[in-house]
N, C-alpha and C. Protein backbone atom coordinates (compact mmCIF):
# COMPACT_ATOMS: atom_id res chain seq x y z
N UNK A 1 -2.90 -12.22 -26.87
CA UNK A 1 -2.23 -11.26 -26.02
C UNK A 1 -3.28 -10.60 -25.12
N UNK A 2 -3.04 -10.66 -23.79
CA UNK A 2 -4.00 -10.04 -22.87
C UNK A 2 -3.71 -8.54 -22.72
N UNK A 3 -4.53 -7.87 -21.97
CA UNK A 3 -4.43 -6.42 -21.84
C UNK A 3 -3.10 -5.99 -21.23
N UNK A 4 -2.64 -6.68 -20.20
CA UNK A 4 -1.36 -6.33 -19.57
C UNK A 4 -0.21 -6.43 -20.57
N UNK A 5 -0.23 -7.46 -21.38
CA UNK A 5 0.83 -7.63 -22.38
C UNK A 5 0.77 -6.53 -23.44
N UNK A 6 -0.45 -6.13 -23.82
CA UNK A 6 -0.59 -5.05 -24.80
C UNK A 6 -0.05 -3.73 -24.24
N UNK A 7 -0.36 -3.48 -22.97
CA UNK A 7 0.13 -2.25 -22.32
C UNK A 7 1.65 -2.27 -22.28
N UNK A 8 2.24 -3.40 -21.87
CA UNK A 8 3.69 -3.51 -21.80
C UNK A 8 4.34 -3.32 -23.17
N UNK A 9 3.78 -3.96 -24.18
CA UNK A 9 4.35 -3.86 -25.53
C UNK A 9 4.27 -2.43 -26.06
N UNK A 10 3.15 -1.79 -25.84
CA UNK A 10 2.98 -0.41 -26.31
C UNK A 10 3.92 0.53 -25.57
N UNK A 11 4.00 0.38 -24.25
CA UNK A 11 4.89 1.23 -23.47
C UNK A 11 6.35 1.01 -23.84
N UNK A 12 6.72 -0.24 -24.13
CA UNK A 12 8.11 -0.55 -24.49
C UNK A 12 8.51 0.09 -25.81
N UNK A 13 7.53 0.37 -26.66
CA UNK A 13 7.84 0.98 -27.96
C UNK A 13 8.03 2.48 -27.87
N UNK A 14 7.75 3.06 -26.71
CA UNK A 14 7.88 4.51 -26.54
C UNK A 14 9.30 4.88 -26.12
N UNK A 15 9.68 6.13 -26.36
CA UNK A 15 10.98 6.59 -25.83
C UNK A 15 10.96 6.55 -24.30
N UNK A 16 12.14 6.47 -23.70
CA UNK A 16 12.23 6.31 -22.25
C UNK A 16 11.54 7.43 -21.48
N UNK A 17 11.60 8.65 -21.97
CA UNK A 17 10.94 9.76 -21.27
C UNK A 17 9.43 9.57 -21.23
N UNK A 18 8.87 9.04 -22.32
CA UNK A 18 7.43 8.77 -22.36
C UNK A 18 7.08 7.56 -21.50
N UNK A 19 7.98 6.60 -21.43
CA UNK A 19 7.76 5.45 -20.54
C UNK A 19 7.67 5.92 -19.09
N UNK A 20 8.49 6.91 -18.74
CA UNK A 20 8.44 7.47 -17.38
C UNK A 20 7.09 8.12 -17.13
N UNK A 21 6.56 8.82 -18.13
CA UNK A 21 5.24 9.43 -17.99
C UNK A 21 4.16 8.37 -17.80
N UNK A 22 4.27 7.27 -18.54
CA UNK A 22 3.32 6.17 -18.40
C UNK A 22 3.39 5.61 -16.98
N UNK A 23 4.61 5.40 -16.49
CA UNK A 23 4.78 4.88 -15.13
C UNK A 23 4.19 5.83 -14.10
N UNK A 24 4.44 7.12 -14.25
CA UNK A 24 3.88 8.11 -13.34
C UNK A 24 2.35 8.04 -13.33
N UNK A 25 1.76 7.92 -14.51
CA UNK A 25 0.31 7.86 -14.62
C UNK A 25 -0.25 6.58 -13.98
N UNK A 26 0.41 5.46 -14.21
CA UNK A 26 -0.03 4.19 -13.63
C UNK A 26 0.06 4.26 -12.10
N UNK A 27 1.13 4.84 -11.58
CA UNK A 27 1.27 4.99 -10.13
C UNK A 27 0.19 5.91 -9.57
N UNK A 28 -0.15 6.96 -10.31
CA UNK A 28 -1.23 7.85 -9.91
C UNK A 28 -2.55 7.09 -9.84
N UNK A 29 -2.85 6.30 -10.87
CA UNK A 29 -4.09 5.52 -10.89
C UNK A 29 -4.14 4.52 -9.74
N UNK A 30 -3.02 3.91 -9.45
CA UNK A 30 -2.96 2.95 -8.34
C UNK A 30 -3.25 3.64 -7.02
N UNK A 31 -2.62 4.79 -6.78
CA UNK A 31 -2.85 5.55 -5.56
C UNK A 31 -4.29 6.01 -5.45
N UNK A 32 -4.85 6.48 -6.55
CA UNK A 32 -6.24 6.93 -6.58
C UNK A 32 -7.19 5.77 -6.24
N UNK A 33 -6.93 4.60 -6.80
CA UNK A 33 -7.75 3.42 -6.54
C UNK A 33 -7.68 3.02 -5.08
N UNK A 34 -6.47 3.02 -4.52
CA UNK A 34 -6.29 2.67 -3.11
C UNK A 34 -6.99 3.67 -2.20
N UNK A 35 -6.90 4.95 -2.55
CA UNK A 35 -7.55 5.98 -1.75
C UNK A 35 -9.07 5.84 -1.79
N UNK A 36 -9.62 5.55 -2.97
CA UNK A 36 -11.07 5.36 -3.09
C UNK A 36 -11.52 4.15 -2.29
N UNK A 37 -10.76 3.07 -2.34
CA UNK A 37 -11.11 1.87 -1.58
C UNK A 37 -11.06 2.15 -0.09
N UNK A 38 -10.05 2.88 0.34
CA UNK A 38 -9.91 3.23 1.76
C UNK A 38 -11.06 4.13 2.20
N UNK A 39 -11.40 5.10 1.37
CA UNK A 39 -12.48 6.02 1.69
C UNK A 39 -13.80 5.29 1.80
N UNK A 40 -14.05 4.36 0.89
CA UNK A 40 -15.28 3.58 0.93
C UNK A 40 -15.35 2.76 2.20
N UNK A 41 -14.22 2.17 2.59
CA UNK A 41 -14.18 1.35 3.81
C UNK A 41 -14.39 2.21 5.04
N UNK A 42 -13.77 3.41 5.08
CA UNK A 42 -13.94 4.30 6.22
C UNK A 42 -15.40 4.69 6.39
N UNK A 43 -16.06 5.03 5.30
CA UNK A 43 -17.48 5.41 5.37
C UNK A 43 -18.32 4.25 5.86
N UNK A 44 -18.03 3.07 5.36
CA UNK A 44 -18.77 1.89 5.79
C UNK A 44 -18.54 1.63 7.27
N UNK A 45 -17.31 1.74 7.73
CA UNK A 45 -16.98 1.47 9.12
C UNK A 45 -17.70 2.43 10.06
N UNK A 46 -17.67 3.72 9.73
CA UNK A 46 -18.33 4.71 10.57
C UNK A 46 -19.83 4.50 10.56
N UNK A 47 -20.39 4.24 9.39
CA UNK A 47 -21.83 4.01 9.29
C UNK A 47 -22.23 2.79 10.09
N UNK A 48 -21.43 1.76 10.04
CA UNK A 48 -21.73 0.54 10.80
C UNK A 48 -21.64 0.78 12.29
N UNK A 49 -20.62 1.52 12.71
CA UNK A 49 -20.44 1.78 14.14
C UNK A 49 -21.56 2.66 14.70
N UNK A 50 -22.06 3.57 13.90
CA UNK A 50 -23.07 4.51 14.38
C UNK A 50 -24.50 4.01 14.17
N UNK A 51 -24.67 2.89 13.49
CA UNK A 51 -25.99 2.38 13.17
C UNK A 51 -26.81 2.17 14.44
N UNK A 52 -28.01 2.73 14.47
CA UNK A 52 -28.92 2.55 15.59
C UNK A 52 -28.76 3.57 16.70
N UNK A 53 -27.69 4.35 16.68
CA UNK A 53 -27.47 5.31 17.76
C UNK A 53 -28.46 6.47 17.74
N UNK A 54 -29.05 6.73 16.59
CA UNK A 54 -29.98 7.85 16.50
C UNK A 54 -31.22 7.61 17.36
N UNK A 55 -31.49 6.38 17.72
CA UNK A 55 -32.66 6.04 18.52
C UNK A 55 -32.35 5.94 20.01
N UNK A 56 -31.09 6.08 20.40
CA UNK A 56 -30.70 5.97 21.80
C UNK A 56 -30.95 7.29 22.53
N UNK A 57 -31.35 7.16 23.79
CA UNK A 57 -31.53 8.35 24.61
C UNK A 57 -30.17 8.89 25.02
N UNK A 58 -30.05 10.19 25.08
CA UNK A 58 -28.80 10.82 25.45
C UNK A 58 -28.68 10.94 26.96
N UNK A 59 -27.49 10.76 27.47
CA UNK A 59 -27.23 10.92 28.90
C UNK A 59 -26.88 12.37 29.24
N UNK A 60 -26.81 13.23 28.23
CA UNK A 60 -26.37 14.60 28.42
C UNK A 60 -27.42 15.56 27.88
N UNK A 61 -27.41 16.76 28.42
CA UNK A 61 -28.30 17.80 27.93
C UNK A 61 -27.46 18.91 27.30
N UNK A 62 -28.14 19.89 26.73
CA UNK A 62 -27.46 21.01 26.11
C UNK A 62 -26.65 21.78 27.14
N UNK A 63 -27.15 21.88 28.36
CA UNK A 63 -26.42 22.61 29.39
C UNK A 63 -25.11 21.93 29.76
N UNK A 64 -24.98 20.65 29.52
CA UNK A 64 -23.72 19.95 29.76
C UNK A 64 -22.63 20.37 28.77
N UNK A 65 -23.03 20.93 27.64
CA UNK A 65 -22.10 21.33 26.61
C UNK A 65 -21.51 22.72 26.83
N UNK A 66 -22.13 23.48 27.69
CA UNK A 66 -21.69 24.86 27.88
C UNK A 66 -20.57 24.93 28.92
N UNK A 67 -19.60 25.78 28.62
CA UNK A 67 -18.51 26.00 29.56
C UNK A 67 -18.82 27.20 30.44
N UNK A 68 -18.42 27.12 31.68
CA UNK A 68 -18.58 28.27 32.58
C UNK A 68 -17.21 28.68 33.08
N UNK A 69 -17.06 29.99 33.27
CA UNK A 69 -15.79 30.53 33.74
C UNK A 69 -15.97 31.22 35.06
């Protein structure tokens, strides 16, 4: 019996209210895993896009950032 089968068998032996709690927890873990994977990819994407830019000369100065009225 593999792990998935053990989880199913154990959950099936619980009362229905506890099975709902198990399902809620599994859905939470799935969402958390997806969020972590997405966050890791976002960080990688931004880091990749910005790589090498710290060595580029800027076309703007500090005075370009100031607003005048």
